[in-house]
Amino acid sequence: MTLADIYAEVDALLAPFECDGTAECCTFSNTGREPYPTAIELAEVERAIAAKGGPRAAMGKKRLPLADRRCPLLSEDGKCSIYASRPFGCRTYFCHRVRGPGKLPRKELRALGARIADLSAKAFPRDPGPRPLSNALSKTLSRH
């Protein structure tokens, strides 16, 4: 089982639900929250950034904006520049505008999140665990 396999399961579970795609959830100062990806997810984010041509090409800037704390992975048009590789927390953020055929499958999503954590612990046994995306991306940017 790979991270891509688990992400595919997450996406299939959430396929019946719709979001208007405003990317408000990507403005951490609005939501008061941000994703806490695991080490294996951060490795995927870094791979996706490299595939786009590096941090400047994927992110367009070197620092997180302080005023609105927008995710630096948002492109100039307000869309995720690494959408296919976005972490579990980005895939499962549900605001009040999400619409679907009933209740969200929270129990199943928790189980998939636990599988991602287990996969990460096996791949990166010395990693301290999930950390705020903005902190992790700051470290990625400082290496380039």
N, C-alpha and C. Protein backbone atom coordinates (compact mmCIF):
# COMPACT_ATOMS: atom_id res chain seq x y z
N MET A 1 0.86 -1.18 0.00
CA MET A 1 0.00 0.00 0.00
C MET A 1 0.90 1.24 0.00
N THR A 2 0.63 2.13 -0.93
CA THR A 2 1.42 3.37 -1.04
C THR A 2 0.57 4.57 -0.62
N LEU A 3 1.22 5.69 -0.46
CA LEU A 3 0.50 6.92 -0.15
C LEU A 3 -0.47 7.24 -1.27
N ALA A 4 -0.07 7.05 -2.51
CA ALA A 4 -0.96 7.31 -3.65
C ALA A 4 -2.21 6.43 -3.58
N ASP A 5 -2.04 5.18 -3.16
CA ASP A 5 -3.19 4.27 -3.01
C ASP A 5 -4.17 4.79 -1.96
N ILE A 6 -3.63 5.25 -0.84
CA ILE A 6 -4.49 5.77 0.23
C ILE A 6 -5.18 7.06 -0.23
N TYR A 7 -4.43 7.94 -0.88
CA TYR A 7 -5.05 9.16 -1.42
C TYR A 7 -6.17 8.83 -2.39
N ALA A 8 -5.99 7.80 -3.20
CA ALA A 8 -7.04 7.39 -4.15
C ALA A 8 -8.29 6.94 -3.38
N GLU A 9 -8.10 6.23 -2.28
CA GLU A 9 -9.24 5.82 -1.45
C GLU A 9 -9.95 7.03 -0.85
N VAL A 10 -9.17 8.00 -0.36
CA VAL A 10 -9.74 9.23 0.19
C VAL A 10 -10.56 9.93 -0.88
N ASP A 11 -9.98 10.11 -2.05
CA ASP A 11 -10.65 10.82 -3.14
C ASP A 11 -11.93 10.10 -3.56
N ALA A 12 -11.90 8.76 -3.58
CA ALA A 12 -13.09 7.99 -3.96
C ALA A 12 -14.19 8.17 -2.91
N LEU A 13 -13.82 8.16 -1.64
CA LEU A 13 -14.81 8.37 -0.56
C LEU A 13 -15.46 9.74 -0.66
N LEU A 14 -14.69 10.72 -1.08
CA LEU A 14 -15.18 12.10 -1.10
C LEU A 14 -15.74 12.52 -2.45
N ALA A 15 -15.68 11.65 -3.45
CA ALA A 15 -16.16 12.00 -4.79
C ALA A 15 -17.61 12.50 -4.81
N PRO A 16 -18.51 11.95 -4.01
CA PRO A 16 -19.89 12.44 -4.05
C PRO A 16 -20.10 13.83 -3.44
N PHE A 17 -19.09 14.35 -2.78
CA PHE A 17 -19.21 15.65 -2.11
C PHE A 17 -18.63 16.74 -2.99
N GLU A 18 -19.23 17.90 -2.96
CA GLU A 18 -18.81 19.00 -3.81
C GLU A 18 -18.36 20.20 -2.98
N CYS A 19 -17.38 20.88 -3.51
CA CYS A 19 -16.85 22.10 -2.91
C CYS A 19 -16.85 23.16 -4.01
N ASP A 20 -17.13 24.39 -3.63
CA ASP A 20 -17.15 25.45 -4.65
C ASP A 20 -15.76 25.91 -5.05
N GLY A 21 -14.72 25.41 -4.40
CA GLY A 21 -13.35 25.69 -4.81
C GLY A 21 -12.87 27.11 -4.60
N THR A 22 -13.33 27.77 -3.54
CA THR A 22 -12.91 29.14 -3.31
C THR A 22 -11.49 29.24 -2.78
N ALA A 23 -10.95 28.18 -2.26
CA ALA A 23 -9.63 28.13 -1.64
C ALA A 23 -9.56 28.96 -0.36
N GLU A 24 -10.71 29.29 0.21
CA GLU A 24 -10.70 29.97 1.52
C GLU A 24 -9.99 29.12 2.57
N CYS A 25 -10.13 27.81 2.44
CA CYS A 25 -9.50 26.92 3.41
C CYS A 25 -7.98 26.98 3.33
N CYS A 26 -7.46 27.54 2.25
CA CYS A 26 -6.02 27.68 2.07
C CYS A 26 -5.49 29.00 2.63
N THR A 27 -6.37 29.77 3.23
CA THR A 27 -5.96 30.99 3.93
C THR A 27 -6.07 30.68 5.42
N PHE A 28 -4.96 30.27 5.98
CA PHE A 28 -4.94 29.75 7.34
C PHE A 28 -5.41 30.77 8.37
N SER A 29 -5.20 32.06 8.08
CA SER A 29 -5.67 33.08 9.03
C SER A 29 -7.20 33.15 9.05
N ASN A 30 -7.87 32.76 7.96
CA ASN A 30 -9.34 32.73 7.94
C ASN A 30 -9.89 31.56 8.75
N THR A 31 -9.27 30.41 8.58
CA THR A 31 -9.80 29.20 9.20
C THR A 31 -9.28 28.98 10.62
N GLY A 32 -8.14 29.58 10.92
CA GLY A 32 -7.52 29.32 12.23
C GLY A 32 -6.87 27.95 12.29
N ARG A 33 -6.77 27.28 11.14
CA ARG A 33 -6.18 25.94 11.08
C ARG A 33 -5.32 25.83 9.83
N GLU A 34 -4.47 24.83 9.86
CA GLU A 34 -3.72 24.48 8.66
C GLU A 34 -3.40 23.00 8.73
N PRO A 35 -3.12 22.38 7.60
CA PRO A 35 -2.82 20.95 7.60
C PRO A 35 -1.55 20.64 8.38
N TYR A 36 -1.51 19.46 8.96
CA TYR A 36 -0.34 18.95 9.66
C TYR A 36 0.09 17.66 8.95
N PRO A 37 0.80 17.77 7.84
CA PRO A 37 1.19 16.57 7.10
C PRO A 37 2.26 15.75 7.81
N THR A 38 2.25 14.46 7.52
CA THR A 38 3.27 13.55 8.02
C THR A 38 4.51 13.66 7.14
N ALA A 39 5.58 13.00 7.56
CA ALA A 39 6.83 13.03 6.80
C ALA A 39 6.67 12.46 5.40
N ILE A 40 5.90 11.40 5.26
CA ILE A 40 5.73 10.80 3.94
C ILE A 40 4.94 11.74 3.02
N GLU A 41 4.00 12.48 3.60
CA GLU A 41 3.25 13.45 2.81
C GLU A 41 4.13 14.62 2.42
N LEU A 42 4.99 15.05 3.32
CA LEU A 42 5.91 16.15 3.00
C LEU A 42 6.88 15.73 1.91
N ALA A 43 7.30 14.48 1.92
CA ALA A 43 8.17 13.98 0.85
C ALA A 43 7.43 14.05 -0.48
N GLU A 44 6.14 13.73 -0.49
CA GLU A 44 5.34 13.83 -1.72
C GLU A 44 5.18 15.28 -2.15
N VAL A 45 4.96 16.17 -1.20
CA VAL A 45 4.85 17.60 -1.52
C VAL A 45 6.16 18.09 -2.14
N GLU A 46 7.28 17.71 -1.54
CA GLU A 46 8.58 18.12 -2.08
C GLU A 46 8.81 17.55 -3.47
N ARG A 47 8.39 16.30 -3.69
CA ARG A 47 8.51 15.69 -5.02
C ARG A 47 7.69 16.48 -6.04
N ALA A 48 6.47 16.85 -5.66
CA ALA A 48 5.59 17.61 -6.56
C ALA A 48 6.16 19.00 -6.84
N ILE A 49 6.74 19.62 -5.84
CA ILE A 49 7.37 20.94 -6.03
C ILE A 49 8.54 20.82 -7.00
N ALA A 50 9.36 19.79 -6.82
CA ALA A 50 10.50 19.57 -7.72
C ALA A 50 10.02 19.30 -9.15
N ALA A 51 8.94 18.54 -9.29
CA ALA A 51 8.40 18.24 -10.62
C ALA A 51 7.89 19.49 -11.33
N LYS A 52 7.50 20.49 -10.56
CA LYS A 52 7.04 21.77 -11.14
C LYS A 52 8.21 22.67 -11.51
N GLY A 53 9.43 22.28 -11.14
CA GLY A 53 10.60 23.09 -11.46
C GLY A 53 11.22 23.74 -10.25
N GLY A 54 10.84 23.31 -9.07
CA GLY A 54 11.40 23.85 -7.83
C GLY A 54 10.47 24.82 -7.15
N PRO A 55 10.87 25.28 -5.97
CA PRO A 55 9.99 26.14 -5.17
C PRO A 55 9.53 27.41 -5.87
N ARG A 56 10.42 28.08 -6.55
CA ARG A 56 10.01 29.34 -7.20
C ARG A 56 8.96 29.09 -8.28
N ALA A 57 9.12 28.02 -9.03
CA ALA A 57 8.15 27.71 -10.09
C ALA A 57 6.82 27.24 -9.50
N ALA A 58 6.88 26.41 -8.46
CA ALA A 58 5.65 25.86 -7.88
C ALA A 58 4.95 26.84 -6.96
N MET A 59 5.73 27.64 -6.24
CA MET A 59 5.16 28.48 -5.21
C MET A 59 5.17 29.96 -5.55
N GLY A 60 6.08 30.38 -6.39
CA GLY A 60 6.10 31.76 -6.83
C GLY A 60 6.66 32.74 -5.83
N LYS A 61 6.92 32.35 -4.62
CA LYS A 61 7.46 33.28 -3.62
C LYS A 61 8.26 32.48 -2.60
N LYS A 62 9.12 33.18 -1.89
CA LYS A 62 9.98 32.50 -0.92
C LYS A 62 9.41 32.48 0.49
N ARG A 63 8.53 33.39 0.84
CA ARG A 63 8.04 33.45 2.22
C ARG A 63 6.52 33.40 2.26
N LEU A 64 6.02 32.88 3.36
CA LEU A 64 4.58 32.92 3.57
C LEU A 64 4.16 34.36 3.82
N PRO A 65 3.11 34.82 3.20
CA PRO A 65 2.64 36.18 3.50
C PRO A 65 2.18 36.25 4.96
N LEU A 66 2.63 37.26 5.67
CA LEU A 66 2.31 37.35 7.09
C LEU A 66 0.88 37.81 7.34
N ALA A 67 0.36 38.68 6.51
CA ALA A 67 -0.95 39.28 6.78
C ALA A 67 -2.08 38.26 6.65
N ASP A 68 -2.14 37.52 5.56
CA ASP A 68 -3.27 36.62 5.37
C ASP A 68 -2.92 35.16 5.57
N ARG A 69 -1.66 34.84 5.74
CA ARG A 69 -1.20 33.47 5.94
C ARG A 69 -1.81 32.50 4.95
N ARG A 70 -1.72 32.84 3.67
CA ARG A 70 -2.18 31.94 2.61
C ARG A 70 -1.16 30.83 2.42
N CYS A 71 -1.63 29.68 2.05
CA CYS A 71 -0.72 28.58 1.74
C CYS A 71 0.17 29.00 0.57
N PRO A 72 1.47 28.82 0.68
CA PRO A 72 2.36 29.23 -0.40
C PRO A 72 2.26 28.33 -1.62
N LEU A 73 1.51 27.25 -1.53
CA LEU A 73 1.33 26.38 -2.68
C LEU A 73 0.22 26.86 -3.61
N LEU A 74 -0.46 27.94 -3.23
CA LEU A 74 -1.48 28.51 -4.12
C LEU A 74 -0.80 29.25 -5.25
N SER A 75 -1.29 29.02 -6.45
CA SER A 75 -0.76 29.73 -7.61
C SER A 75 -1.34 31.14 -7.65
N GLU A 76 -0.88 31.92 -8.59
CA GLU A 76 -1.36 33.30 -8.73
C GLU A 76 -2.87 33.36 -8.96
N ASP A 77 -3.44 32.32 -9.60
CA ASP A 77 -4.89 32.31 -9.83
C ASP A 77 -5.67 31.69 -8.68
N GLY A 78 -5.00 31.44 -7.54
CA GLY A 78 -5.68 30.96 -6.34
C GLY A 78 -5.96 29.47 -6.31
N LYS A 79 -5.29 28.71 -7.15
CA LYS A 79 -5.48 27.26 -7.17
C LYS A 79 -4.22 26.57 -6.64
N CYS A 80 -4.40 25.39 -6.08
CA CYS A 80 -3.27 24.63 -5.55
C CYS A 80 -2.34 24.23 -6.69
N SER A 81 -1.06 24.58 -6.56
CA SER A 81 -0.10 24.28 -7.62
C SER A 81 0.32 22.82 -7.62
N ILE A 82 0.01 22.08 -6.56
CA ILE A 82 0.36 20.65 -6.50
C ILE A 82 -0.88 19.83 -6.14
N TYR A 83 -2.02 20.18 -6.67
CA TYR A 83 -3.31 19.63 -6.27
C TYR A 83 -3.32 18.10 -6.16
N ALA A 84 -2.78 17.40 -7.13
CA ALA A 84 -2.79 15.93 -7.11
C ALA A 84 -1.98 15.37 -5.95
N SER A 85 -1.03 16.14 -5.43
CA SER A 85 -0.15 15.70 -4.34
C SER A 85 -0.47 16.35 -3.01
N ARG A 86 -1.57 17.08 -2.93
CA ARG A 86 -1.90 17.79 -1.69
C ARG A 86 -2.06 16.81 -0.53
N PRO A 87 -1.67 17.21 0.67
CA PRO A 87 -1.75 16.33 1.84
C PRO A 87 -3.19 15.96 2.23
N PHE A 88 -3.29 14.96 3.06
CA PHE A 88 -4.56 14.45 3.58
C PHE A 88 -5.39 15.58 4.21
N GLY A 89 -4.75 16.44 5.00
CA GLY A 89 -5.47 17.54 5.65
C GLY A 89 -6.09 18.50 4.66
N CYS A 90 -5.48 18.67 3.52
CA CYS A 90 -6.05 19.53 2.47
C CYS A 90 -7.21 18.82 1.79
N ARG A 91 -7.08 17.53 1.60
CA ARG A 91 -8.13 16.75 0.94
C ARG A 91 -9.39 16.66 1.80
N THR A 92 -9.22 16.72 3.10
CA THR A 92 -10.34 16.45 4.01
C THR A 92 -10.80 17.66 4.80
N TYR A 93 -10.42 18.84 4.39
CA TYR A 93 -10.90 20.04 5.08
C TYR A 93 -12.31 20.33 4.57
N PHE A 94 -13.25 20.38 5.48
CA PHE A 94 -14.64 20.58 5.08
C PHE A 94 -15.18 21.85 5.70
N CYS A 95 -15.49 22.80 4.83
CA CYS A 95 -16.10 24.04 5.32
C CYS A 95 -17.62 23.92 5.22
N HIS A 96 -18.29 24.95 5.59
CA HIS A 96 -19.75 24.94 5.61
C HIS A 96 -20.38 24.86 4.21
N ARG A 97 -19.60 25.07 3.17
CA ARG A 97 -20.15 25.05 1.82
C ARG A 97 -20.12 23.68 1.14
N VAL A 98 -19.50 22.69 1.78
CA VAL A 98 -19.43 21.36 1.19
C VAL A 98 -20.85 20.77 1.12
N ARG A 99 -21.17 20.24 -0.03
CA ARG A 99 -22.49 19.63 -0.25
C ARG A 99 -22.30 18.18 -0.68
N GLY A 100 -23.20 17.33 -0.23
CA GLY A 100 -23.12 15.94 -0.62
C GLY A 100 -24.35 15.16 -0.24
N PRO A 101 -24.31 13.88 -0.52
CA PRO A 101 -25.46 13.01 -0.29
C PRO A 101 -25.55 12.47 1.13
N GLY A 102 -25.52 13.32 2.09
CA GLY A 102 -25.59 12.84 3.47
C GLY A 102 -24.37 13.28 4.26
N LYS A 103 -24.10 12.52 5.31
CA LYS A 103 -22.99 12.86 6.20
C LYS A 103 -21.66 12.44 5.59
N LEU A 104 -20.65 13.20 5.96
CA LEU A 104 -19.29 12.86 5.53
C LEU A 104 -18.86 11.55 6.18
N PRO A 105 -18.07 10.74 5.50
CA PRO A 105 -17.62 9.45 6.04
C PRO A 105 -16.45 9.62 7.01
N ARG A 106 -16.70 10.27 8.12
CA ARG A 106 -15.63 10.62 9.07
C ARG A 106 -14.90 9.41 9.64
N LYS A 107 -15.63 8.36 9.98
CA LYS A 107 -14.99 7.16 10.55
C LYS A 107 -13.99 6.56 9.55
N GLU A 108 -14.42 6.44 8.30
CA GLU A 108 -13.55 5.89 7.26
C GLU A 108 -12.36 6.79 7.01
N LEU A 109 -12.58 8.11 7.04
CA LEU A 109 -11.48 9.05 6.83
C LEU A 109 -10.48 8.99 7.97
N ARG A 110 -10.97 8.85 9.21
CA ARG A 110 -10.04 8.70 10.34
C ARG A 110 -9.16 7.47 10.16
N ALA A 111 -9.78 6.37 9.70
CA ALA A 111 -9.02 5.14 9.48
C ALA A 111 -7.96 5.33 8.39
N LEU A 112 -8.31 6.04 7.33
CA LEU A 112 -7.33 6.31 6.27
C LEU A 112 -6.22 7.22 6.78
N GLY A 113 -6.55 8.20 7.60
CA GLY A 113 -5.53 9.06 8.21
C GLY A 113 -4.57 8.25 9.07
N ALA A 114 -5.11 7.29 9.80
CA ALA A 114 -4.26 6.43 10.63
C ALA A 114 -3.34 5.58 9.76
N ARG A 115 -3.83 5.13 8.62
CA ARG A 115 -2.99 4.35 7.71
C ARG A 115 -1.86 5.19 7.14
N ILE A 116 -2.15 6.47 6.86
CA ILE A 116 -1.09 7.37 6.39
C ILE A 116 -0.04 7.55 7.49
N ALA A 117 -0.49 7.74 8.72
CA ALA A 117 0.44 7.90 9.84
C ALA A 117 1.31 6.65 10.01
N ASP A 118 0.71 5.46 9.90
CA ASP A 118 1.47 4.22 10.01
C ASP A 118 2.49 4.08 8.88
N LEU A 119 2.06 4.39 7.67
CA LEU A 119 2.96 4.33 6.52
C LEU A 119 4.13 5.28 6.71
N SER A 120 3.84 6.48 7.20
CA SER A 120 4.89 7.47 7.43
C SER A 120 5.86 7.00 8.51
N ALA A 121 5.33 6.44 9.59
CA ALA A 121 6.18 5.97 10.69
C ALA A 121 7.12 4.85 10.22
N LYS A 122 6.64 4.02 9.32
CA LYS A 122 7.49 2.94 8.79
C LYS A 122 8.56 3.50 7.86
N ALA A 123 8.18 4.47 7.03
CA ALA A 123 9.13 5.04 6.06
C ALA A 123 10.13 5.99 6.72
N PHE A 124 9.68 6.68 7.76
CA PHE A 124 10.51 7.68 8.45
C PHE A 124 10.44 7.44 9.96
N PRO A 125 11.06 6.36 10.45
CA PRO A 125 10.90 5.99 11.87
C PRO A 125 11.43 7.02 12.86
N ARG A 126 12.34 7.87 12.46
CA ARG A 126 12.90 8.87 13.39
C ARG A 126 12.23 10.23 13.28
N ASP A 127 11.25 10.34 12.41
CA ASP A 127 10.55 11.61 12.23
C ASP A 127 9.70 11.90 13.46
N PRO A 128 9.66 13.17 13.90
CA PRO A 128 8.90 13.51 15.10
C PRO A 128 7.38 13.50 14.92
N GLY A 129 6.91 13.42 13.70
CA GLY A 129 5.47 13.37 13.48
C GLY A 129 4.96 14.56 12.70
N PRO A 130 3.66 14.64 12.54
CA PRO A 130 3.08 15.73 11.75
C PRO A 130 3.47 17.10 12.29
N ARG A 131 3.60 18.06 11.37
CA ARG A 131 3.93 19.43 11.74
C ARG A 131 3.15 20.38 10.84
N PRO A 132 2.99 21.63 11.26
CA PRO A 132 2.24 22.58 10.43
C PRO A 132 2.86 22.70 9.04
N LEU A 133 2.02 22.69 8.04
CA LEU A 133 2.48 22.77 6.66
C LEU A 133 3.35 24.00 6.43
N SER A 134 2.96 25.15 6.97
CA SER A 134 3.74 26.36 6.73
C SER A 134 5.15 26.23 7.29
N ASN A 135 5.31 25.61 8.45
CA ASN A 135 6.65 25.41 9.01
C ASN A 135 7.48 24.48 8.13
N ALA A 136 6.87 23.41 7.71
CA ALA A 136 7.57 22.43 6.87
C ALA A 136 7.98 23.06 5.54
N LEU A 137 7.09 23.86 4.94
CA LEU A 137 7.41 24.49 3.67
C LEU A 137 8.49 25.54 3.83
N SER A 138 8.51 26.23 4.96
CA SER A 138 9.59 27.20 5.21
C SER A 138 10.94 26.52 5.20
N LYS A 139 11.00 25.32 5.78
CA LYS A 139 12.25 24.55 5.78
C LYS A 139 12.61 24.11 4.37
N THR A 140 11.62 23.69 3.59
CA THR A 140 11.85 23.29 2.20
C THR A 140 12.42 24.46 1.41
N LEU A 141 11.84 25.64 1.60
CA LEU A 141 12.29 26.82 0.88
C LEU A 141 13.69 27.24 1.28
N SER A 142 14.01 27.09 2.55
CA SER A 142 15.33 27.52 3.02
C SER A 142 16.45 26.64 2.47
N ARG A 143 16.13 25.43 2.04
CA ARG A 143 17.13 24.54 1.45
C ARG A 143 17.41 24.87 0.01
N HIS A 144 16.58 25.71 -0.63
CA HIS A 144 16.73 26.01 -2.07
C HIS A 144 17.17 27.43 -2.29
